[in-house]
């Protein structure tokens, strides 16, 4: 093709037809420009295709990550609710007088309140990779980008409530039991010989702890904090569900 154009150009020059040569030269320039534009467009389409494929790969990975996180947040909501219910029932027996409750029931409610640490443990590998590598811009949906960018703020709030609030009160309740009760007897009352220990020789009643104002305050504080944390978990669940819904609209 280049040889053909060169041959035509040489003939026009040889025949001294300058005006026709000029028109030909302009036409040749236009063809070259068109060729360059077409090449650029093809290159842009290829790059866009790569970006679209990368976006789809990340969308699929994000969906799996957030579906797993939805299961995890449901787990902590269930656990937190169980602990909160035990604490609520335990609080009905605190007061200045020893209540009408069995040692076994008291032990079950106490351990039902403090026997597990509530901690939301989401998977974040894909999300962290997207945010730390600057790949957030590959997503076309603005709602998704905003939801991913703001997720960390809610997670930090949950972490603070878990570690600096609820966990602290939980350990204060446990240490009150260490200092004022026979935990060996209490464990035997609640679980029998499950841990290989009998009830021991300190057989005086553990119910006297229920008459302590400090104990009542800590149980109340546990209820306040667990209740607030439960609200944060539900907010996280809602945001996860919204992210999954957005992702579903973007997956092709």
Protein backbone atom coordinates (compact mmCIF):
# COMPACT_ATOMS: atom_id res chain seq x y z
CA UNK A 1 0.00 0.00 0.00
CA UNK A 2 2.82 2.42 0.87
CA UNK A 3 4.59 1.55 -2.40
CA UNK A 4 1.36 2.24 -4.32
CA UNK A 5 1.00 5.68 -2.70
CA UNK A 6 4.65 6.45 -3.43
CA UNK A 7 4.22 5.42 -7.08
CA UNK A 8 1.15 7.64 -7.52
CA UNK A 9 2.93 10.58 -5.87
CA UNK A 10 5.96 10.17 -8.15
CA UNK A 11 3.77 10.06 -11.28
CA UNK A 12 1.92 13.21 -10.28
CA UNK A 13 5.18 15.05 -9.68
CA UNK A 14 6.63 13.77 -12.95
CA UNK A 15 3.56 14.92 -14.89
CA UNK A 16 3.86 18.38 -13.27
CA UNK A 17 0.29 18.22 -11.94
CA UNK A 18 0.94 20.10 -8.71
CA UNK A 19 -2.69 20.86 -7.84
CA UNK A 20 -3.64 17.23 -8.09
CA UNK A 21 -0.53 16.29 -6.11
CA UNK A 22 -1.51 18.76 -3.41
CA UNK A 23 -5.00 17.28 -3.16
CA UNK A 24 -3.50 13.81 -3.06
CA UNK A 25 -1.06 14.83 -0.31
CA UNK A 26 -3.91 16.28 1.78
CA UNK A 27 -5.91 13.11 1.22
CA UNK A 28 -2.93 11.00 2.26
CA UNK A 29 -2.53 13.06 5.46
CA UNK A 30 -6.22 12.63 6.22
CA UNK A 31 -5.93 8.88 5.74
CA UNK A 32 -2.91 8.76 8.06
CA UNK A 33 -4.79 10.79 10.71
CA UNK A 34 -7.83 8.53 10.37
CA UNK A 35 -5.57 5.51 10.74
CA UNK A 36 -4.03 6.95 13.89
CA UNK A 37 -7.45 7.76 15.33
CA UNK A 38 -8.69 4.26 14.57
CA UNK A 39 -5.59 2.76 16.23
CA UNK A 40 -6.11 4.97 19.29
CA UNK A 41 -9.76 4.01 19.47
CA UNK A 42 -8.89 0.31 19.25
CA UNK A 43 -6.29 0.77 21.97
CA UNK A 44 -8.82 2.64 24.15
CA UNK A 45 -11.38 -0.11 23.62
CA UNK A 46 -8.82 -2.75 24.58
CA UNK A 47 -7.87 -0.81 27.72
CA UNK A 48 -11.54 -0.32 28.61
CA UNK A 49 -12.14 -4.04 28.10
CA UNK A 50 -9.27 -4.80 30.48
CA UNK A 51 -10.70 -2.38 33.05
CA UNK A 52 -14.17 -3.91 32.69
CA UNK A 53 -12.78 -7.42 33.15
CA UNK A 54 -10.79 -6.28 36.20
CA UNK A 55 -13.89 -4.63 37.64
CA UNK A 56 -15.91 -7.81 37.16
CA UNK A 57 -13.21 -9.91 38.84
CA UNK A 58 -13.18 -7.58 41.85
CA UNK A 59 -16.98 -7.46 41.98
CA UNK A 60 -17.15 -11.25 42.18
CA UNK A 61 -14.45 -11.34 44.86
CA UNK A 62 -16.16 -8.56 46.83
CA UNK A 63 -19.51 -10.34 46.67
CA UNK A 64 -18.00 -13.49 48.16
CA UNK A 65 -16.21 -11.48 50.85
CA UNK A 66 -19.33 -9.55 51.86
CA UNK A 67 -21.57 -12.61 51.80
CA UNK A 68 -19.14 -14.21 54.27
CA UNK A 69 -19.18 -11.00 56.32
CA UNK A 70 -22.97 -11.07 56.36
CA UNK A 71 -22.81 -14.53 57.96
CA UNK A 72 -20.25 -13.22 60.45
CA UNK A 73 -22.31 -10.19 61.46
CA UNK A 74 -25.36 -12.43 61.88
CA UNK A 75 -23.26 -14.61 64.19
CA UNK A 76 -22.26 -11.72 66.45
CA UNK A 77 -25.78 -10.29 66.46
CA UNK A 78 -27.09 -13.66 67.66
CA UNK A 79 -24.34 -14.03 70.29
CA UNK A 80 -24.70 -10.46 71.54
CA UNK A 81 -28.48 -10.92 71.80
CA UNK A 82 -28.06 -14.11 73.84
CA UNK A 83 -25.66 -12.41 76.28
CA UNK A 84 -27.91 -9.37 76.49
CA UNK A 85 -30.96 -11.52 77.27
CA UNK A 86 -29.08 -13.25 80.10
CA UNK A 87 -27.95 -9.89 81.49
CA UNK A 88 -31.50 -8.54 81.35
CA UNK A 89 -32.83 -11.51 83.30
CA UNK A 90 -29.93 -11.32 85.75
CA UNK A 91 -30.73 -7.65 86.39
CA UNK A 92 -34.25 -8.57 87.54
CA UNK A 93 -32.74 -10.33 90.59
CA UNK A 94 -30.38 -7.60 91.82
CA UNK A 95 -31.40 -5.50 94.80
CA UNK A 96 -30.83 -4.92 98.53
CA UNK A 97 -32.46 -8.22 99.52
CA UNK A 98 -31.42 -11.74 98.56
CA UNK A 99 -33.84 -12.71 95.79
CA UNK A 100 -35.88 -15.84 95.36
CA UNK A 101 -33.62 -17.59 92.87
CA UNK A 102 -31.70 -20.85 93.00
CA UNK A 103 -27.91 -21.03 93.05
CA UNK A 104 -28.08 -22.97 89.79
CA UNK A 105 -30.20 -20.33 88.05
CA UNK A 106 -27.94 -17.52 89.24
CA UNK A 107 -24.86 -19.38 88.01
CA UNK A 108 -26.46 -20.05 84.60
CA UNK A 109 -27.45 -16.41 84.16
CA UNK A 110 -24.04 -15.12 85.25
CA UNK A 111 -22.11 -17.39 82.90
CA UNK A 112 -24.73 -16.76 80.22
CA UNK A 113 -23.78 -13.09 80.44
CA UNK A 114 -19.97 -13.31 80.56
CA UNK A 115 -18.97 -16.67 79.05
CA UNK A 116 -18.22 -15.33 75.56
CA UNK A 117 -16.42 -12.35 74.13
CA UNK A 118 -18.34 -10.60 71.39
CA UNK A 119 -16.12 -9.63 68.48
CA UNK A 120 -16.99 -9.06 64.85
CA UNK A 121 -14.27 -10.60 62.65
CA UNK A 122 -14.96 -9.74 59.01
CA UNK A 123 -12.86 -10.76 56.06
CA UNK A 124 -11.31 -7.67 54.51
CA UNK A 125 -8.55 -8.87 52.18
CA UNK A 126 -10.24 -7.88 48.93
CA UNK A 127 -11.56 -4.58 50.28
CA UNK A 128 -8.16 -3.63 51.74
CA UNK A 129 -6.41 -4.49 48.47
CA UNK A 130 -8.80 -2.27 46.51
CA UNK A 131 -8.45 0.68 48.89
CA UNK A 132 -4.69 0.42 49.48
CA UNK A 133 -3.79 -0.04 45.81
CA UNK A 134 -5.96 2.82 44.57
CA UNK A 135 -8.18 0.50 42.52
CA UNK A 136 -11.38 2.05 43.87
CA UNK A 137 -11.52 4.16 40.69
CA UNK A 138 -12.15 1.09 38.51
CA UNK A 139 -15.70 0.83 39.82
CA UNK A 140 -18.26 2.71 37.78
CA UNK A 141 -20.97 2.83 40.46
CA UNK A 142 -20.53 5.85 42.75
CA UNK A 143 -22.70 4.35 45.50
CA UNK A 144 -20.46 1.30 45.68
CA UNK A 145 -17.31 3.40 45.83
CA UNK A 146 -18.75 5.54 48.61
CA UNK A 147 -19.98 2.51 50.58
CA UNK A 148 -16.56 0.84 50.41
CA UNK A 149 -14.73 4.03 51.33
CA UNK A 150 -16.88 4.71 54.41
CA UNK A 151 -17.10 1.15 55.72
CA UNK A 152 -13.92 1.48 57.78
CA UNK A 153 -15.40 4.27 59.92
CA UNK A 154 -18.25 2.07 61.13
CA UNK A 155 -15.86 -0.82 61.75
CA UNK A 156 -13.63 1.40 63.93
CA UNK A 157 -16.67 2.43 65.96
CA UNK A 158 -17.59 -1.22 66.48
CA UNK A 159 -14.02 -2.08 67.48
CA UNK A 160 -14.02 0.66 70.11
CA UNK A 161 -17.32 -0.51 71.58
CA UNK A 162 -16.16 -4.13 71.65
CA UNK A 163 -12.72 -3.63 73.18
CA UNK A 164 -12.94 -0.43 75.20
CA UNK A 165 -16.51 -0.72 76.45
CA UNK A 166 -18.19 -4.14 76.48
CA UNK A 167 -15.05 -6.19 77.03
CA UNK A 168 -14.02 -3.94 79.93
CA UNK A 169 -17.36 -4.32 81.72
CA UNK A 170 -17.36 -8.06 81.06
CA UNK A 171 -13.99 -8.44 82.77
CA UNK A 172 -15.13 -6.28 85.68
CA UNK A 173 -18.04 -8.67 86.23
CA UNK A 174 -15.67 -11.65 86.07
CA UNK A 175 -13.24 -10.05 88.53
CA UNK A 176 -16.12 -9.28 90.92
CA UNK A 177 -16.92 -12.99 90.85
CA UNK A 178 -13.24 -13.84 91.45
CA UNK A 179 -13.15 -11.58 94.52
CA UNK A 180 -16.54 -12.30 96.05
CA UNK A 181 -17.73 -15.77 95.03
CA UNK A 182 -16.69 -19.36 94.86
CA UNK A 183 -16.30 -19.74 91.10
CA UNK A 184 -15.68 -23.44 91.60
CA UNK A 185 -19.07 -23.83 93.26
CA UNK A 186 -20.73 -21.55 90.70
CA UNK A 187 -19.29 -23.55 87.78
CA UNK A 188 -20.49 -26.76 89.42
CA UNK A 189 -23.94 -25.24 89.97
CA UNK A 190 -24.16 -24.24 86.30
CA UNK A 191 -22.42 -27.14 84.55
CA UNK A 192 -22.16 -30.00 87.05
CA UNK A 193 -18.91 -31.97 86.74
CA UNK A 194 -18.24 -30.81 83.17
CA UNK A 195 -14.81 -29.40 84.04
CA UNK A 196 -13.72 -32.30 86.23
CA UNK A 197 -14.14 -30.40 89.52
CA UNK A 198 -16.58 -30.94 92.32
CA UNK A 199 -18.19 -27.97 94.06
CA UNK A 200 -15.35 -27.66 96.57
CA UNK A 201 -15.58 -26.86 100.28
CA UNK A 202 -16.64 -23.20 100.11
CA UNK A 203 -20.32 -23.94 100.06
CA UNK A 204 -21.73 -20.66 101.34
CA UNK A 205 -24.28 -19.02 99.06
CA UNK A 206 -23.17 -17.02 96.04
CA UNK A 207 -26.49 -15.18 95.94
CA UNK A 208 -25.15 -12.41 98.18
CA UNK A 209 -23.45 -10.87 95.13
CA UNK A 210 -26.90 -9.98 93.82
CA UNK A 211 -27.31 -7.54 96.73
CA UNK A 212 -24.23 -5.54 95.70
CA UNK A 213 -24.88 -2.13 94.13
CA UNK A 214 -21.53 -2.36 92.32
CA UNK A 215 -22.63 -5.63 90.77
CA UNK A 216 -25.97 -4.13 89.78
CA UNK A 217 -24.16 -1.14 88.19
CA UNK A 218 -21.90 -3.40 86.16
CA UNK A 219 -24.75 -5.59 84.98
CA UNK A 220 -26.63 -2.43 83.97
CA UNK A 221 -23.54 -1.08 82.22
CA UNK A 222 -23.20 -4.36 80.35
CA UNK A 223 -26.82 -4.07 79.20
CA UNK A 224 -26.36 -0.46 78.05
CA UNK A 225 -23.17 -1.23 76.14
CA UNK A 226 -24.33 -4.51 74.61
CA UNK A 227 -27.56 -2.83 73.54
CA UNK A 228 -25.69 0.01 71.85
CA UNK A 229 -23.25 -2.41 70.23
CA UNK A 230 -26.16 -4.44 68.93
CA UNK A 231 -27.36 -1.32 67.13
CA UNK A 232 -23.93 -0.87 65.53
CA UNK A 233 -23.98 -4.50 64.38
CA UNK A 234 -27.39 -4.02 62.80
CA UNK A 235 -26.14 -0.89 61.03
CA UNK A 236 -23.16 -2.87 59.72
CA UNK A 237 -25.48 -5.64 58.55
CA UNK A 238 -27.63 -3.12 56.67
CA UNK A 239 -24.58 -1.62 54.97
CA UNK A 240 -23.28 -5.06 53.99
CA UNK A 241 -26.66 -5.96 52.52
CA UNK A 242 -26.73 -2.69 50.57
CA UNK A 243 -23.22 -3.33 49.21
CA UNK A 244 -24.18 -6.84 48.10
CA UNK A 245 -27.31 -5.47 46.41
CA UNK A 246 -25.28 -2.85 44.53
CA UNK A 247 -22.70 -5.46 43.48
CA UNK A 248 -25.47 -7.68 42.10
CA UNK A 249 -26.61 -4.84 39.83
CA UNK A 250 -23.06 -4.39 38.51
CA UNK A 251 -22.12 -8.03 37.82
CA UNK A 252 -22.61 -8.90 34.16
